[in-house]
């Protein structure tokens, strides 16, 4: 996604819309909790692209992104079965694979690639557009990220509330109290901080140097450090 906003790829005519589960609409709690940290870091950089990637932004090479989540329905909540589908123009990918490194390179997820499925892609896209326009079904979180509503401090405060809500949802007999509770929250905070820092590092382009002749050169040391951060992040994603 970095290449789509930093000018590496010409994506001025590209608009990417994510529609995914929210914490309220799935039982896959762990990944949803920590995805909040990654999206915060991504949009922090995305909404700074006019200065961070000024040349690409001014030339109209930067893609646009929106992020939507499903809202809690009247019935059928807490179900983990959900669609994994990507629309790419007239092409469609359907399957168990998420759009991430883990699904395609680190485990046994798979998918069907339908080439030139124009009618199906258009019909499905129209249906999804209807969901995005219905505030009773989905919520556009993009403005919240743009306004800076989601911060490390706010996410940490939400973590404590979420853990208690999860314990109540699953009617577990166990409870987190005292030092055990503090240890759990501290661990969540450490993982969240790691995700934010690695996302920032992965999306950084400071390994590209411009000399006095405006020629691009690569700082191999910084590029290696970035690759190491990507590896650590992918290992954590596989674990989660």
Protein backbone atom coordinates (compact mmCIF):
# COMPACT_ATOMS: atom_id res chain seq x y z
CA UNK A 1 0.00 0.00 0.00
CA UNK A 2 2.96 2.29 0.58
CA UNK A 3 3.90 2.06 -3.09
CA UNK A 4 0.36 3.12 -3.95
CA UNK A 5 0.70 6.40 -2.06
CA UNK A 6 4.41 7.28 -2.19
CA UNK A 7 4.66 7.52 -5.99
CA UNK A 8 6.43 4.21 -6.60
CA UNK A 9 3.37 3.19 -8.60
CA UNK A 10 1.17 5.58 -10.52
CA UNK A 11 -2.16 5.10 -8.74
CA UNK A 12 -3.89 8.44 -9.19
CA UNK A 13 -6.91 6.67 -10.67
CA UNK A 14 -7.08 4.03 -7.93
CA UNK A 15 -9.55 4.10 -5.04
CA UNK A 16 -9.28 1.30 -2.48
CA UNK A 17 -12.21 0.60 -0.17
CA UNK A 18 -11.92 -1.83 2.73
CA UNK A 19 -15.09 -3.33 4.22
CA UNK A 20 -14.43 -5.66 7.11
CA UNK A 21 -15.85 -7.01 10.33
CA UNK A 22 -15.85 -4.93 13.47
CA UNK A 23 -15.22 -6.20 16.96
CA UNK A 24 -19.00 -6.31 17.43
CA UNK A 25 -19.63 -8.56 14.42
CA UNK A 26 -17.09 -11.35 14.79
CA UNK A 27 -15.67 -13.71 17.40
CA UNK A 28 -12.15 -13.27 16.01
CA UNK A 29 -11.37 -10.82 18.76
CA UNK A 30 -7.59 -10.88 18.90
CA UNK A 31 -6.90 -9.86 15.31
CA UNK A 32 -9.60 -7.18 15.40
CA UNK A 33 -8.21 -5.65 18.57
CA UNK A 34 -4.70 -5.31 17.18
CA UNK A 35 -5.86 -4.30 13.69
CA UNK A 36 -6.95 -1.02 15.31
CA UNK A 37 -3.31 -0.18 15.98
CA UNK A 38 -2.21 -0.95 12.44
CA UNK A 39 -5.00 1.10 10.86
CA UNK A 40 -4.18 4.03 13.12
CA UNK A 41 -0.54 3.94 11.98
CA UNK A 42 -1.48 3.50 8.33
CA UNK A 43 -3.90 6.41 8.23
CA UNK A 44 -1.48 8.56 10.21
CA UNK A 45 0.93 8.25 7.29
CA UNK A 46 -1.80 8.28 4.63
CA UNK A 47 -3.22 11.61 5.76
CA UNK A 48 0.30 13.07 5.90
CA UNK A 49 1.05 12.00 2.32
CA UNK A 50 0.78 15.56 0.96
CA UNK A 51 3.95 16.39 2.92
CA UNK A 52 5.65 12.98 3.32
CA UNK A 53 5.23 12.12 -0.36
CA UNK A 54 4.74 15.64 -1.69
CA UNK A 55 5.98 14.98 -5.22
CA UNK A 56 3.70 11.98 -5.72
CA UNK A 57 0.76 13.81 -4.17
CA UNK A 58 1.26 16.93 -6.28
CA UNK A 59 1.55 14.83 -9.44
CA UNK A 60 -1.66 12.96 -8.65
CA UNK A 61 0.08 9.57 -8.36
CA UNK A 62 -1.30 8.71 -4.92
CA UNK A 63 -4.19 6.28 -4.46
CA UNK A 64 -7.13 7.03 -2.19
CA UNK A 65 -8.23 4.78 0.67
CA UNK A 66 -11.43 4.36 2.68
CA UNK A 67 -12.04 2.03 5.62
CA UNK A 68 -15.48 0.73 6.60
CA UNK A 69 -16.61 -1.70 9.28
CA UNK A 70 -19.84 -3.59 9.66
CA UNK A 71 -22.08 -2.45 12.50
CA UNK A 72 -23.67 -4.91 14.90
CA UNK A 73 -26.77 -6.42 13.25
CA UNK A 74 -30.05 -7.10 14.98
CA UNK A 75 -29.34 -10.83 14.69
CA UNK A 76 -26.55 -13.12 13.60
CA UNK A 77 -23.77 -11.43 15.56
CA UNK A 78 -20.69 -13.22 16.89
CA UNK A 79 -20.27 -15.40 13.79
CA UNK A 80 -16.80 -16.01 12.42
CA UNK A 81 -17.92 -17.11 8.93
CA UNK A 82 -17.49 -14.19 6.56
CA UNK A 83 -16.69 -13.34 2.95
CA UNK A 84 -13.11 -13.06 1.72
CA UNK A 85 -13.54 -11.33 -1.62
CA UNK A 86 -11.51 -8.80 -3.57
CA UNK A 87 -12.76 -6.87 -6.59
CA UNK A 88 -10.05 -5.78 -9.04
CA UNK A 89 -11.83 -4.11 -11.91
CA UNK A 90 -13.50 -6.95 -13.82
CA UNK A 91 -11.52 -9.59 -11.94
CA UNK A 92 -12.52 -11.22 -8.65
CA UNK A 93 -10.68 -13.20 -5.97
CA UNK A 94 -12.86 -15.43 -3.77
CA UNK A 95 -11.57 -17.67 -1.04
CA UNK A 96 -10.29 -18.16 2.44
CA UNK A 97 -7.28 -15.92 1.82
CA UNK A 98 -7.12 -12.47 3.37
CA UNK A 99 -5.29 -9.70 1.54
CA UNK A 100 -2.14 -10.15 3.59
CA UNK A 101 1.25 -11.83 3.57
CA UNK A 102 0.18 -14.52 6.01
CA UNK A 103 -2.61 -15.86 3.78
CA UNK A 104 -0.59 -16.00 0.58
CA UNK A 105 2.91 -16.88 1.76
CA UNK A 106 2.82 -18.25 5.32
CA UNK A 107 -0.05 -20.75 5.60
CA UNK A 108 -2.47 -22.87 3.56
CA UNK A 109 -5.14 -20.30 2.63
CA UNK A 110 -6.30 -20.34 -0.97
CA UNK A 111 -8.68 -18.63 -3.36
CA UNK A 112 -10.31 -18.71 -6.77
CA UNK A 113 -9.23 -16.05 -9.25
CA UNK A 114 -12.00 -15.20 -11.73
CA UNK A 115 -10.66 -13.32 -14.74
CA UNK A 116 -12.89 -10.99 -16.75
CA UNK A 117 -16.00 -11.76 -14.67
CA UNK A 118 -17.47 -8.39 -15.61
CA UNK A 119 -21.15 -9.02 -14.87
CA UNK A 120 -20.50 -10.70 -11.53
CA UNK A 121 -17.98 -8.03 -10.48
CA UNK A 122 -20.36 -5.22 -11.38
CA UNK A 123 -23.31 -6.81 -9.59
CA UNK A 124 -21.27 -7.54 -6.49
CA UNK A 125 -19.75 -4.07 -6.52
CA UNK A 126 -23.20 -2.51 -6.75
CA UNK A 127 -24.35 -4.60 -3.80
CA UNK A 128 -21.32 -3.57 -1.71
CA UNK A 129 -21.84 0.08 -2.63
CA UNK A 130 -25.34 -0.25 -1.22
CA UNK A 131 -23.92 -1.54 2.05
CA UNK A 132 -21.46 1.34 2.24
CA UNK A 133 -24.24 3.87 1.73
CA UNK A 134 -26.40 2.38 4.48
CA UNK A 135 -25.38 3.86 7.87
CA UNK A 136 -27.44 1.21 9.62
CA UNK A 137 -25.21 -1.53 8.20
CA UNK A 138 -21.72 -0.04 7.92
CA UNK A 139 -19.68 2.77 9.40
CA UNK A 140 -17.01 4.78 7.58
CA UNK A 141 -14.11 5.12 10.01
CA UNK A 142 -11.94 7.12 7.61
CA UNK A 143 -13.04 10.54 8.97
CA UNK A 144 -12.26 9.38 12.51
CA UNK A 145 -8.72 8.46 11.54
CA UNK A 146 -8.32 11.72 9.64
CA UNK A 147 -9.41 13.77 12.64
CA UNK A 148 -6.95 12.01 14.95
CA UNK A 149 -9.71 10.54 17.10
CA UNK A 150 -7.84 7.26 17.39
CA UNK A 151 -4.56 7.61 19.30
CA UNK A 152 -2.32 5.29 21.29
CA UNK A 153 -3.87 6.63 24.48
CA UNK A 154 -7.44 6.11 23.29
CA UNK A 155 -6.70 2.61 22.02
CA UNK A 156 -5.09 1.65 25.32
CA UNK A 157 -8.16 2.88 27.18
CA UNK A 158 -10.36 0.84 24.86
CA UNK A 159 -8.25 -2.27 25.46
CA UNK A 160 -9.24 -2.44 29.10
CA UNK A 161 -12.92 -2.06 28.26
CA UNK A 162 -12.73 -4.62 25.46
CA UNK A 163 -11.13 -7.35 27.56
CA UNK A 164 -13.85 -7.05 30.17
CA UNK A 165 -16.48 -7.12 27.43
CA UNK A 166 -14.96 -10.25 25.89
CA UNK A 167 -14.98 -12.05 29.23
CA UNK A 168 -18.61 -11.12 29.70
CA UNK A 169 -19.54 -12.11 26.12
CA UNK A 170 -18.18 -15.61 26.48
CA UNK A 171 -19.47 -16.02 30.04
CA UNK A 172 -16.11 -17.28 31.18
CA UNK A 173 -15.61 -18.18 34.81
CA UNK A 174 -12.13 -16.75 34.81
CA UNK A 175 -11.47 -13.10 35.48
CA UNK A 176 -8.50 -10.82 35.29
CA UNK A 177 -7.84 -9.09 38.56
CA UNK A 178 -5.02 -7.25 40.23
CA UNK A 179 -1.54 -7.93 38.91
CA UNK A 180 -2.82 -10.49 36.40
CA UNK A 181 -5.08 -7.87 34.84
CA UNK A 182 -2.31 -5.28 34.76
CA UNK A 183 0.02 -7.80 33.12
CA UNK A 184 -2.55 -8.62 30.44
CA UNK A 185 -3.15 -4.96 29.62
CA UNK A 186 0.57 -4.21 29.60
CA UNK A 187 1.12 -7.09 27.18
CA UNK A 188 -1.63 -5.80 24.90
CA UNK A 189 -0.07 -2.37 25.02
CA UNK A 190 3.37 -3.71 24.15
CA UNK A 191 2.02 -5.63 21.16
CA UNK A 192 0.02 -2.61 20.03
CA UNK A 193 3.07 -0.35 20.27
CA UNK A 194 5.13 -2.89 18.32
CA UNK A 195 2.50 -2.98 15.55
CA UNK A 196 2.41 0.81 15.31
CA UNK A 197 6.19 1.17 15.22
CA UNK A 198 6.73 -1.61 12.67
CA UNK A 199 3.94 -0.28 10.44
CA UNK A 200 5.55 3.15 10.49
CA UNK A 201 8.93 1.61 9.70
CA UNK A 202 7.60 -0.57 6.89
CA UNK A 203 5.88 2.42 5.27
CA UNK A 204 8.90 4.68 5.62
CA UNK A 205 10.80 5.72 2.50
CA UNK A 206 13.75 7.29 4.30
CA UNK A 207 16.03 4.64 2.76
CA UNK A 208 15.71 6.56 -0.52
CA UNK A 209 18.27 9.36 -0.80
CA UNK A 210 18.38 12.12 -3.38
CA UNK A 211 21.78 13.55 -4.25
CA UNK A 212 22.65 17.01 -5.57
CA UNK A 213 21.86 15.89 -9.13
CA UNK A 214 18.38 14.73 -8.08
CA UNK A 215 19.42 11.12 -8.67
CA UNK A 216 17.94 8.50 -6.39
CA UNK A 217 20.15 6.26 -4.29
CA UNK A 218 19.26 3.59 -1.76
CA UNK A 219 20.60 3.48 1.78
CA UNK A 220 21.21 -0.28 1.96
CA UNK A 221 21.52 -0.27 5.76
CA UNK A 222 18.12 1.35 6.26
CA UNK A 223 16.59 -0.88 3.60
CA UNK A 224 17.89 -3.95 5.45
CA UNK A 225 16.48 -2.64 8.73
CA UNK A 226 13.11 -2.15 7.06
CA UNK A 227 13.16 -5.72 5.73
CA UNK A 228 13.87 -6.99 9.24
CA UNK A 229 10.90 -5.03 10.57
CA UNK A 230 8.68 -6.52 7.87
CA UNK A 231 9.79 -10.02 8.86
CA UNK A 232 9.05 -9.39 12.54
CA UNK A 233 5.64 -7.96 11.71
CA UNK A 234 4.73 -10.92 9.48
CA UNK A 235 5.81 -13.37 12.18
CA UNK A 236 3.54 -11.62 14.68
CA UNK A 237 0.66 -11.59 12.17
CA UNK A 238 1.04 -15.33 11.63
CA UNK A 239 0.92 -15.90 15.39
CA UNK A 240 -2.19 -13.74 15.85
